[in-house]
Each structure stands twice: as C-alpha cells, then as structure tokens.
Amino acid sequence: MTGDIGTQLRRGVVEYCVLGLLARAPMYGWQLAEALTERGLIASIGTLYPLLARLRDRELVQTFAEASANGPTRKYYRLTDAGVAELRAFREQWGPYARTVGDIIQEVPS
C-alpha cells in the first residue's frame, strides 16, 4: 500500500495482527517485527515496541523471559485471556466489516 491510505489502514488493524500472531505462539520482538515488516504491516521495528507497550498496558499481552541458545535472554510476548477475548471479538467483526467495505467500494460495471 502506498501513501496515507495504507498508513491509515495499517494503523487500524496492526494491533490485531500482533494478537493474531501471538495466538499462534509466543514470540519475541524481533520475530514479530520480521513477520509484520515482511507483510508490509509496519515500516520498522521502532514502531513495534510502542505498540507492544500499549497492548501490555491494556493487559492484552504479557511478557516473559527465556534464555536463548544464540545470545542473551529474550523477552517473549504472549496473549493473556483478555487478549484472546479481544482477538475473538475482532475476528467476529472483521469478516462482515471487510465484506461490507468491499461491496461498497467495488467497481460498478459501466
């Protein structure tokens, strides 16, 4: 996506994408950043950590430390019960919302 439209769309859903990734498995920050940047959802790792802090402040994720075989101890993130519930609520609304928007913005044959 390009320009301001892409930025606005990402801003609205990236938190839920993080929750979705963490629903699969706990991840450390660099893993999350790679998964999100390769999909074009964040511009840089620098934008991820404030987002993770907001999710932690809202008690949707929690952190834990785990030793790494390849370096220092890593801080991992995982969903809390509240995070699971928040993601479930988003999933219930996302499909119908995306279909409605798609129906509205779809090109009309001339």
N, C-alpha and C. Protein backbone atom coordinates (compact mmCIF):
# COMPACT_ATOMS: atom_id res chain seq x y z
N MET A 1 0.83 -1.18 0.00
CA MET A 1 0.00 0.00 0.00
C MET A 1 0.88 1.24 0.00
N THR A 2 0.37 2.25 -0.58
CA THR A 2 1.14 3.47 -0.67
C THR A 2 0.39 4.62 -0.01
N GLY A 3 1.16 5.62 0.34
CA GLY A 3 0.59 6.86 0.82
C GLY A 3 -0.18 6.77 2.12
N ASP A 4 -0.95 7.80 2.35
CA ASP A 4 -1.69 7.95 3.59
C ASP A 4 -2.77 6.87 3.76
N ILE A 5 -3.35 6.39 2.68
CA ILE A 5 -4.39 5.36 2.79
C ILE A 5 -3.81 4.10 3.43
N GLY A 6 -2.67 3.67 2.96
CA GLY A 6 -2.03 2.48 3.52
C GLY A 6 -1.69 2.66 4.98
N THR A 7 -1.19 3.82 5.34
CA THR A 7 -0.86 4.11 6.73
C THR A 7 -2.09 4.01 7.61
N GLN A 8 -3.17 4.60 7.17
CA GLN A 8 -4.40 4.59 7.96
C GLN A 8 -4.96 3.17 8.10
N LEU A 9 -4.92 2.39 7.03
CA LEU A 9 -5.42 1.02 7.11
C LEU A 9 -4.57 0.19 8.06
N ARG A 10 -3.25 0.31 7.95
CA ARG A 10 -2.37 -0.45 8.85
C ARG A 10 -2.59 -0.05 10.30
N ARG A 11 -2.70 1.25 10.54
CA ARG A 11 -2.87 1.74 11.91
C ARG A 11 -4.11 1.12 12.57
N GLY A 12 -5.14 0.88 11.78
CA GLY A 12 -6.37 0.35 12.33
C GLY A 12 -6.34 -1.13 12.65
N VAL A 13 -5.45 -1.89 12.00
CA VAL A 13 -5.50 -3.34 12.18
C VAL A 13 -4.23 -3.97 12.72
N VAL A 14 -3.14 -3.23 12.76
CA VAL A 14 -1.87 -3.86 13.11
C VAL A 14 -1.87 -4.46 14.52
N GLU A 15 -2.53 -3.82 15.46
CA GLU A 15 -2.60 -4.39 16.82
C GLU A 15 -3.25 -5.76 16.80
N TYR A 16 -4.29 -5.90 16.00
CA TYR A 16 -4.98 -7.19 15.93
C TYR A 16 -4.15 -8.22 15.18
N CYS A 17 -3.33 -7.76 14.24
CA CYS A 17 -2.40 -8.69 13.57
C CYS A 17 -1.37 -9.21 14.57
N VAL A 18 -0.89 -8.35 15.46
CA VAL A 18 0.03 -8.80 16.51
C VAL A 18 -0.66 -9.83 17.39
N LEU A 19 -1.89 -9.56 17.80
CA LEU A 19 -2.62 -10.52 18.62
C LEU A 19 -2.79 -11.84 17.87
N GLY A 20 -3.07 -11.75 16.57
CA GLY A 20 -3.23 -12.96 15.76
C GLY A 20 -1.96 -13.78 15.68
N LEU A 21 -0.83 -13.11 15.52
CA LEU A 21 0.45 -13.83 15.50
C LEU A 21 0.73 -14.49 16.85
N LEU A 22 0.45 -13.76 17.92
CA LEU A 22 0.71 -14.31 19.26
C LEU A 22 -0.27 -15.42 19.62
N ALA A 23 -1.42 -15.46 18.97
CA ALA A 23 -2.36 -16.56 19.20
C ALA A 23 -1.79 -17.87 18.69
N ARG A 24 -0.90 -17.79 17.70
CA ARG A 24 -0.27 -18.98 17.14
C ARG A 24 0.80 -19.53 18.07
N ALA A 25 1.60 -18.60 18.63
CA ALA A 25 2.70 -18.99 19.52
C ALA A 25 3.31 -17.74 20.13
N PRO A 26 3.85 -17.84 21.35
CA PRO A 26 4.59 -16.71 21.91
C PRO A 26 5.76 -16.36 20.98
N MET A 27 6.07 -15.08 20.90
CA MET A 27 7.15 -14.62 20.03
C MET A 27 7.92 -13.51 20.73
N TYR A 28 9.19 -13.37 20.37
CA TYR A 28 9.95 -12.23 20.87
C TYR A 28 9.86 -11.10 19.86
N GLY A 29 10.23 -9.92 20.29
CA GLY A 29 10.02 -8.72 19.49
C GLY A 29 10.55 -8.80 18.08
N TRP A 30 11.77 -9.29 17.91
CA TRP A 30 12.36 -9.35 16.57
C TRP A 30 11.56 -10.27 15.65
N GLN A 31 11.06 -11.39 16.19
CA GLN A 31 10.23 -12.30 15.39
C GLN A 31 8.96 -11.59 14.92
N LEU A 32 8.32 -10.90 15.84
CA LEU A 32 7.11 -10.16 15.49
C LEU A 32 7.41 -9.11 14.43
N ALA A 33 8.50 -8.37 14.62
CA ALA A 33 8.86 -7.32 13.66
C ALA A 33 9.09 -7.90 12.28
N GLU A 34 9.81 -9.01 12.19
CA GLU A 34 10.05 -9.64 10.89
C GLU A 34 8.75 -10.07 10.23
N ALA A 35 7.87 -10.71 11.01
CA ALA A 35 6.60 -11.18 10.46
C ALA A 35 5.75 -10.02 9.96
N LEU A 36 5.78 -8.91 10.65
CA LEU A 36 4.96 -7.76 10.28
C LEU A 36 5.59 -6.94 9.15
N THR A 37 6.90 -6.76 9.15
CA THR A 37 7.54 -5.98 8.09
C THR A 37 7.51 -6.73 6.77
N GLU A 38 7.69 -8.03 6.78
CA GLU A 38 7.67 -8.77 5.51
C GLU A 38 6.29 -8.75 4.88
N ARG A 39 5.27 -8.51 5.67
CA ARG A 39 3.90 -8.41 5.15
C ARG A 39 3.49 -6.95 4.91
N GLY A 40 4.40 -6.02 5.16
CA GLY A 40 4.12 -4.61 4.91
C GLY A 40 3.21 -3.97 5.94
N LEU A 41 3.12 -4.55 7.12
CA LEU A 41 2.20 -4.02 8.14
C LEU A 41 2.85 -3.00 9.07
N ILE A 42 4.16 -3.04 9.20
CA ILE A 42 4.87 -1.99 9.93
C ILE A 42 6.07 -1.57 9.09
N ALA A 43 6.48 -0.33 9.25
CA ALA A 43 7.60 0.19 8.47
C ALA A 43 8.94 -0.22 9.06
N SER A 44 9.01 -0.29 10.39
CA SER A 44 10.28 -0.62 11.03
C SER A 44 10.02 -1.20 12.41
N ILE A 45 11.06 -1.82 12.95
CA ILE A 45 10.95 -2.40 14.30
C ILE A 45 10.68 -1.32 15.34
N GLY A 46 11.11 -0.09 15.06
CA GLY A 46 10.90 1.00 16.00
C GLY A 46 9.44 1.31 16.26
N THR A 47 8.57 0.98 15.33
CA THR A 47 7.14 1.22 15.53
C THR A 47 6.47 0.11 16.31
N LEU A 48 7.15 -1.05 16.41
CA LEU A 48 6.54 -2.19 17.08
C LEU A 48 6.54 -2.06 18.60
N TYR A 49 7.62 -1.61 19.18
CA TYR A 49 7.73 -1.63 20.65
C TYR A 49 6.73 -0.70 21.35
N PRO A 50 6.46 0.48 20.83
CA PRO A 50 5.38 1.27 21.46
C PRO A 50 4.02 0.58 21.37
N LEU A 51 3.78 -0.11 20.25
CA LEU A 51 2.53 -0.86 20.09
C LEU A 51 2.45 -1.98 21.12
N LEU A 52 3.56 -2.72 21.30
CA LEU A 52 3.58 -3.79 22.30
C LEU A 52 3.38 -3.24 23.71
N ALA A 53 3.94 -2.07 23.98
CA ALA A 53 3.75 -1.44 25.30
C ALA A 53 2.27 -1.11 25.52
N ARG A 54 1.60 -0.60 24.48
CA ARG A 54 0.17 -0.30 24.61
C ARG A 54 -0.64 -1.57 24.86
N LEU A 55 -0.30 -2.64 24.13
CA LEU A 55 -1.01 -3.91 24.35
C LEU A 55 -0.77 -4.44 25.75
N ARG A 56 0.44 -4.27 26.25
CA ARG A 56 0.76 -4.71 27.62
C ARG A 56 0.02 -3.85 28.64
N ASP A 57 -0.02 -2.54 28.41
CA ASP A 57 -0.75 -1.63 29.32
C ASP A 57 -2.23 -1.97 29.38
N ARG A 58 -2.78 -2.43 28.26
CA ARG A 58 -4.19 -2.81 28.21
C ARG A 58 -4.41 -4.25 28.68
N GLU A 59 -3.32 -4.89 29.12
CA GLU A 59 -3.33 -6.26 29.64
C GLU A 59 -3.82 -7.28 28.61
N LEU A 60 -3.50 -7.03 27.33
CA LEU A 60 -3.84 -7.97 26.27
C LEU A 60 -2.69 -8.93 25.99
N VAL A 61 -1.48 -8.50 26.33
CA VAL A 61 -0.30 -9.37 26.23
C VAL A 61 0.49 -9.26 27.52
N GLN A 62 1.29 -10.28 27.76
CA GLN A 62 2.23 -10.24 28.89
C GLN A 62 3.57 -10.72 28.38
N THR A 63 4.60 -10.40 29.14
CA THR A 63 5.95 -10.78 28.74
C THR A 63 6.51 -11.83 29.68
N PHE A 64 7.46 -12.57 29.15
CA PHE A 64 8.24 -13.49 29.98
C PHE A 64 9.61 -13.61 29.33
N ALA A 65 10.60 -13.92 30.14
CA ALA A 65 11.98 -14.04 29.67
C ALA A 65 12.32 -15.51 29.45
N GLU A 66 13.09 -15.75 28.41
CA GLU A 66 13.54 -17.10 28.13
C GLU A 66 14.96 -17.05 27.60
N ALA A 67 15.79 -17.93 28.11
CA ALA A 67 17.19 -17.98 27.68
C ALA A 67 17.25 -18.37 26.21
N SER A 68 18.24 -17.81 25.52
CA SER A 68 18.45 -18.11 24.11
C SER A 68 19.75 -18.88 23.95
N ALA A 69 19.74 -19.87 23.10
CA ALA A 69 20.96 -20.64 22.83
C ALA A 69 21.95 -19.82 22.01
N ASN A 70 21.45 -18.76 21.35
CA ASN A 70 22.28 -17.96 20.45
C ASN A 70 22.60 -16.57 20.96
N GLY A 71 22.44 -16.31 22.23
CA GLY A 71 22.72 -14.97 22.74
C GLY A 71 22.05 -14.72 24.07
N PRO A 72 21.76 -13.45 24.32
CA PRO A 72 21.17 -13.08 25.61
C PRO A 72 19.74 -13.57 25.76
N THR A 73 19.25 -13.47 26.98
CA THR A 73 17.87 -13.82 27.28
C THR A 73 16.94 -12.94 26.45
N ARG A 74 15.89 -13.53 25.94
CA ARG A 74 14.94 -12.79 25.11
C ARG A 74 13.64 -12.57 25.87
N LYS A 75 13.03 -11.40 25.61
CA LYS A 75 11.71 -11.11 26.17
C LYS A 75 10.66 -11.56 25.16
N TYR A 76 9.85 -12.51 25.57
CA TYR A 76 8.78 -13.02 24.72
C TYR A 76 7.46 -12.38 25.12
N TYR A 77 6.54 -12.37 24.16
CA TYR A 77 5.19 -11.86 24.37
C TYR A 77 4.22 -13.00 24.13
N ARG A 78 3.16 -13.02 24.96
CA ARG A 78 2.09 -14.00 24.75
C ARG A 78 0.77 -13.33 25.10
N LEU A 79 -0.30 -13.91 24.56
CA LEU A 79 -1.63 -13.38 24.82
C LEU A 79 -2.06 -13.69 26.25
N THR A 80 -2.79 -12.78 26.82
CA THR A 80 -3.48 -13.02 28.08
C THR A 80 -4.89 -13.51 27.73
N ASP A 81 -5.64 -13.88 28.74
CA ASP A 81 -7.04 -14.25 28.49
C ASP A 81 -7.80 -13.07 27.88
N ALA A 82 -7.49 -11.87 28.35
CA ALA A 82 -8.14 -10.67 27.79
C ALA A 82 -7.74 -10.48 26.33
N GLY A 83 -6.49 -10.80 25.98
CA GLY A 83 -6.04 -10.71 24.60
C GLY A 83 -6.75 -11.71 23.70
N VAL A 84 -6.95 -12.91 24.21
CA VAL A 84 -7.69 -13.93 23.46
C VAL A 84 -9.11 -13.44 23.21
N ALA A 85 -9.75 -12.88 24.23
CA ALA A 85 -11.12 -12.38 24.09
C ALA A 85 -11.18 -11.21 23.11
N GLU A 86 -10.21 -10.31 23.17
CA GLU A 86 -10.16 -9.16 22.26
C GLU A 86 -10.00 -9.63 20.81
N LEU A 87 -9.12 -10.58 20.59
CA LEU A 87 -8.92 -11.11 19.24
C LEU A 87 -10.18 -11.81 18.75
N ARG A 88 -10.83 -12.56 19.60
CA ARG A 88 -12.08 -13.24 19.23
C ARG A 88 -13.14 -12.22 18.80
N ALA A 89 -13.27 -11.14 19.56
CA ALA A 89 -14.25 -10.10 19.23
C ALA A 89 -13.90 -9.44 17.89
N PHE A 90 -12.62 -9.21 17.66
CA PHE A 90 -12.21 -8.61 16.39
C PHE A 90 -12.52 -9.56 15.23
N ARG A 91 -12.21 -10.83 15.39
CA ARG A 91 -12.49 -11.80 14.33
C ARG A 91 -13.96 -11.85 13.98
N GLU A 92 -14.82 -11.76 14.99
CA GLU A 92 -16.26 -11.80 14.74
C GLU A 92 -16.72 -10.60 13.92
N GLN A 93 -16.07 -9.46 14.09
CA GLN A 93 -16.49 -8.26 13.39
C GLN A 93 -15.77 -8.05 12.06
N TRP A 94 -14.56 -8.59 11.94
CA TRP A 94 -13.73 -8.30 10.77
C TRP A 94 -14.35 -8.81 9.46
N GLY A 95 -14.80 -10.05 9.42
CA GLY A 95 -15.35 -10.61 8.19
C GLY A 95 -16.51 -9.81 7.64
N PRO A 96 -17.55 -9.60 8.44
CA PRO A 96 -18.68 -8.81 7.94
C PRO A 96 -18.27 -7.38 7.56
N TYR A 97 -17.38 -6.78 8.33
CA TYR A 97 -16.92 -5.43 8.05
C TYR A 97 -16.18 -5.38 6.70
N ALA A 98 -15.25 -6.31 6.51
CA ALA A 98 -14.47 -6.34 5.27
C ALA A 98 -15.38 -6.59 4.06
N ARG A 99 -16.37 -7.47 4.21
CA ARG A 99 -17.31 -7.71 3.11
C ARG A 99 -18.12 -6.47 2.79
N THR A 100 -18.58 -5.77 3.82
CA THR A 100 -19.36 -4.55 3.60
C THR A 100 -18.54 -3.50 2.88
N VAL A 101 -17.33 -3.27 3.34
CA VAL A 101 -16.46 -2.28 2.68
C VAL A 101 -16.20 -2.72 1.24
N GLY A 102 -15.91 -3.99 1.04
CA GLY A 102 -15.67 -4.50 -0.31
C GLY A 102 -16.86 -4.28 -1.22
N ASP A 103 -18.05 -4.53 -0.71
CA ASP A 103 -19.26 -4.32 -1.51
C ASP A 103 -19.43 -2.85 -1.88
N ILE A 104 -19.12 -1.97 -0.95
CA ILE A 104 -19.32 -0.54 -1.21
C ILE A 104 -18.30 0.02 -2.19
N ILE A 105 -17.04 -0.38 -2.06
CA ILE A 105 -16.01 0.23 -2.91
C ILE A 105 -15.79 -0.52 -4.22
N GLN A 106 -16.45 -1.63 -4.39
CA GLN A 106 -16.32 -2.42 -5.63
C GLN A 106 -16.68 -1.58 -6.83
N GLU A 107 -15.91 -1.77 -7.91
CA GLU A 107 -16.23 -1.05 -9.14
C GLU A 107 -17.55 -1.55 -9.70
N VAL A 108 -18.31 -0.62 -10.18
CA VAL A 108 -19.59 -0.94 -10.81
C VAL A 108 -19.34 -1.01 -12.32
N PRO A 109 -19.73 -2.11 -12.96
CA PRO A 109 -19.53 -2.20 -14.41
C PRO A 109 -20.27 -1.07 -15.12
N SER A 110 -19.61 -0.51 -16.13
CA SER A 110 -20.27 0.59 -16.85
C SER A 110 -21.06 0.12 -18.03
